[in-house]
Amino acid sequence: MRAFSAGLQPAAQISRNVSRLLLAHGVSAQGLSPKSIDVFLVPYAIVPDRIIYLSDVKAILQPSSWKGTTSSHWWSVTDGGVLSDDFAACSAYLKRIWQAIDGLIDPSVPSELSTGNKVA
């Protein structure tokens, strides 16, 4: 399995909390940088199986080559609360995202996120 991350309005650099969280789980953040969703919209890019929106935003206009193959999901990592840049909050967000991913891979795995509420 491969996963990619991109944003509609990416930050100028990776959050210090992202680097700390990845390192805490044995993953290096070296070479990682925020990127725009635009890098995945070029004609030669890999067609994703899913787009996961981590906030209640309008869906991107998907290329015609994605039709019928790419589903969209909206997950509320804050559970309706205000997004926090606090390390403990970011750690909780990451845990919820990982649990939701596990739930997509294996539906018998319980998930804290409401992945089924809004799917396109």
Protein backbone atom coordinates (compact mmCIF):
# COMPACT_ATOMS: atom_id res chain seq x y z
CA MET A 1 0.00 0.00 0.00
CA ARG A 2 1.14 3.51 -0.78
CA ALA A 3 -0.24 6.71 0.67
CA PHE A 4 0.33 10.27 -0.44
CA SER A 5 -0.46 13.53 1.28
CA ALA A 6 -1.32 16.84 -0.33
CA GLY A 7 -3.27 19.92 0.54
CA LEU A 8 -5.56 22.39 -1.09
CA GLN A 9 -3.52 25.18 0.52
CA PRO A 10 -0.27 23.54 1.66
CA ALA A 11 1.92 25.14 4.30
CA ALA A 12 5.36 26.48 3.45
CA GLN A 13 7.04 23.75 5.51
CA ILE A 14 6.21 20.62 7.51
CA SER A 15 4.94 21.30 11.00
CA ARG A 16 7.44 20.54 13.74
CA ASN A 17 4.78 18.28 15.26
CA VAL A 18 4.63 16.19 12.08
CA SER A 19 8.38 15.60 12.21
CA ARG A 20 8.21 14.69 15.91
CA LEU A 21 5.25 12.35 15.43
CA LEU A 22 6.81 10.54 12.48
CA LEU A 23 10.12 10.11 14.31
CA ALA A 24 8.28 8.79 17.37
CA HIS A 25 6.89 6.05 15.11
CA GLY A 26 10.23 5.29 13.45
CA VAL A 27 9.56 7.22 10.24
CA SER A 28 11.97 9.88 9.03
CA ALA A 29 10.53 13.18 7.82
CA GLN A 30 13.71 13.89 5.87
CA GLY A 31 12.88 14.94 2.32
CA LEU A 32 9.18 15.42 3.06
CA SER A 33 7.55 18.74 2.29
CA PRO A 34 4.00 20.02 1.97
CA LYS A 35 2.68 19.79 -1.56
CA SER A 36 -0.38 20.87 -3.45
CA ILE A 37 -3.01 18.45 -4.71
CA ASP A 38 -2.08 19.82 -8.15
CA VAL A 39 0.88 17.39 -8.35
CA PHE A 40 -1.64 14.53 -8.46
CA LEU A 41 -3.83 16.15 -11.10
CA VAL A 42 -1.29 16.07 -13.93
CA PRO A 43 -2.04 13.54 -16.71
CA TYR A 44 0.83 11.14 -15.85
CA ALA A 45 0.18 11.02 -12.09
CA ILE A 46 -1.02 7.88 -10.33
CA VAL A 47 -4.82 7.65 -10.09
CA PRO A 48 -5.73 7.37 -6.40
CA ASP A 49 -8.18 4.81 -5.02
CA ARG A 50 -9.42 7.29 -2.42
CA ILE A 51 -9.23 10.95 -1.53
CA ILE A 52 -9.49 11.59 2.19
CA TYR A 53 -10.49 15.12 3.20
CA LEU A 54 -9.56 15.89 6.81
CA SER A 55 -11.97 18.79 7.07
CA ASP A 56 -15.36 19.74 5.71
CA VAL A 57 -14.22 21.24 2.40
CA LYS A 58 -15.65 21.14 -1.08
CA ALA A 59 -14.38 18.23 -3.17
CA ILE A 60 -11.81 18.94 -5.85
CA LEU A 61 -12.79 18.64 -9.49
CA GLN A 62 -11.47 15.19 -10.35
CA PRO A 63 -9.92 14.44 -13.74
CA SER A 64 -12.09 12.31 -16.00
CA SER A 65 -9.56 9.46 -15.69
CA TRP A 66 -10.48 9.21 -11.98
CA LYS A 67 -14.20 8.69 -12.57
CA GLY A 68 -15.38 5.31 -11.36
CA THR A 69 -12.06 4.50 -9.67
CA THR A 70 -11.61 7.19 -7.00
CA SER A 71 -13.92 7.58 -4.02
CA SER A 72 -13.90 10.58 -1.70
CA HIS A 73 -14.26 10.47 2.08
CA TRP A 74 -14.59 13.29 4.63
CA TRP A 75 -13.18 12.58 8.09
CA SER A 76 -13.45 14.90 11.07
CA VAL A 77 -10.19 14.39 12.95
CA THR A 78 -11.17 17.02 15.52
CA ASP A 79 -14.61 15.46 16.10
CA GLY A 80 -16.21 18.84 15.46
CA GLY A 81 -13.85 20.74 17.75
CA VAL A 82 -11.32 23.43 16.93
CA LEU A 83 -8.09 22.28 15.26
CA SER A 84 -5.14 22.56 17.66
CA ASP A 85 -1.42 22.74 16.92
CA ASP A 86 -0.64 21.27 20.35
CA PHE A 87 1.59 18.16 20.17
CA ALA A 88 -0.80 16.01 22.22
CA ALA A 89 -3.74 17.02 20.02
CA CYS A 90 -1.75 16.29 16.85
CA SER A 91 -0.81 12.89 18.25
CA ALA A 92 -4.50 12.15 18.88
CA TYR A 93 -5.36 13.27 15.31
CA LEU A 94 -2.72 10.93 13.87
CA LYS A 95 -3.99 8.02 15.97
CA ARG A 96 -7.55 8.63 14.74
CA ILE A 97 -6.39 8.85 11.12
CA TRP A 98 -4.45 5.59 11.41
CA GLN A 99 -7.45 3.85 12.99
CA ALA A 100 -9.70 5.10 10.21
CA ILE A 101 -7.23 3.85 7.59
CA ASP A 102 -7.16 0.47 9.31
CA GLY A 103 -10.97 0.50 9.19
CA LEU A 104 -10.94 1.11 5.42
CA ILE A 105 -8.51 -1.76 4.90
CA ASP A 106 -10.30 -4.10 7.29
CA PRO A 107 -13.92 -3.11 8.04
CA SER A 108 -13.93 -5.34 11.14
CA VAL A 109 -11.50 -2.88 12.81
CA PRO A 110 -13.44 -0.31 14.88
CA SER A 111 -12.78 3.33 14.00
CA GLU A 112 -13.25 6.48 16.08
CA LEU A 113 -13.78 8.55 12.93
CA SER A 114 -17.11 8.74 11.21
CA THR A 115 -15.89 7.52 7.82
CA GLY A 116 -19.30 6.54 6.56
CA ASN A 117 -21.19 9.79 7.12
CA LYS A 118 -20.04 11.53 3.98
CA VAL A 119 -18.70 9.48 1.09
CA ALA A 120 -18.80 10.30 -2.60
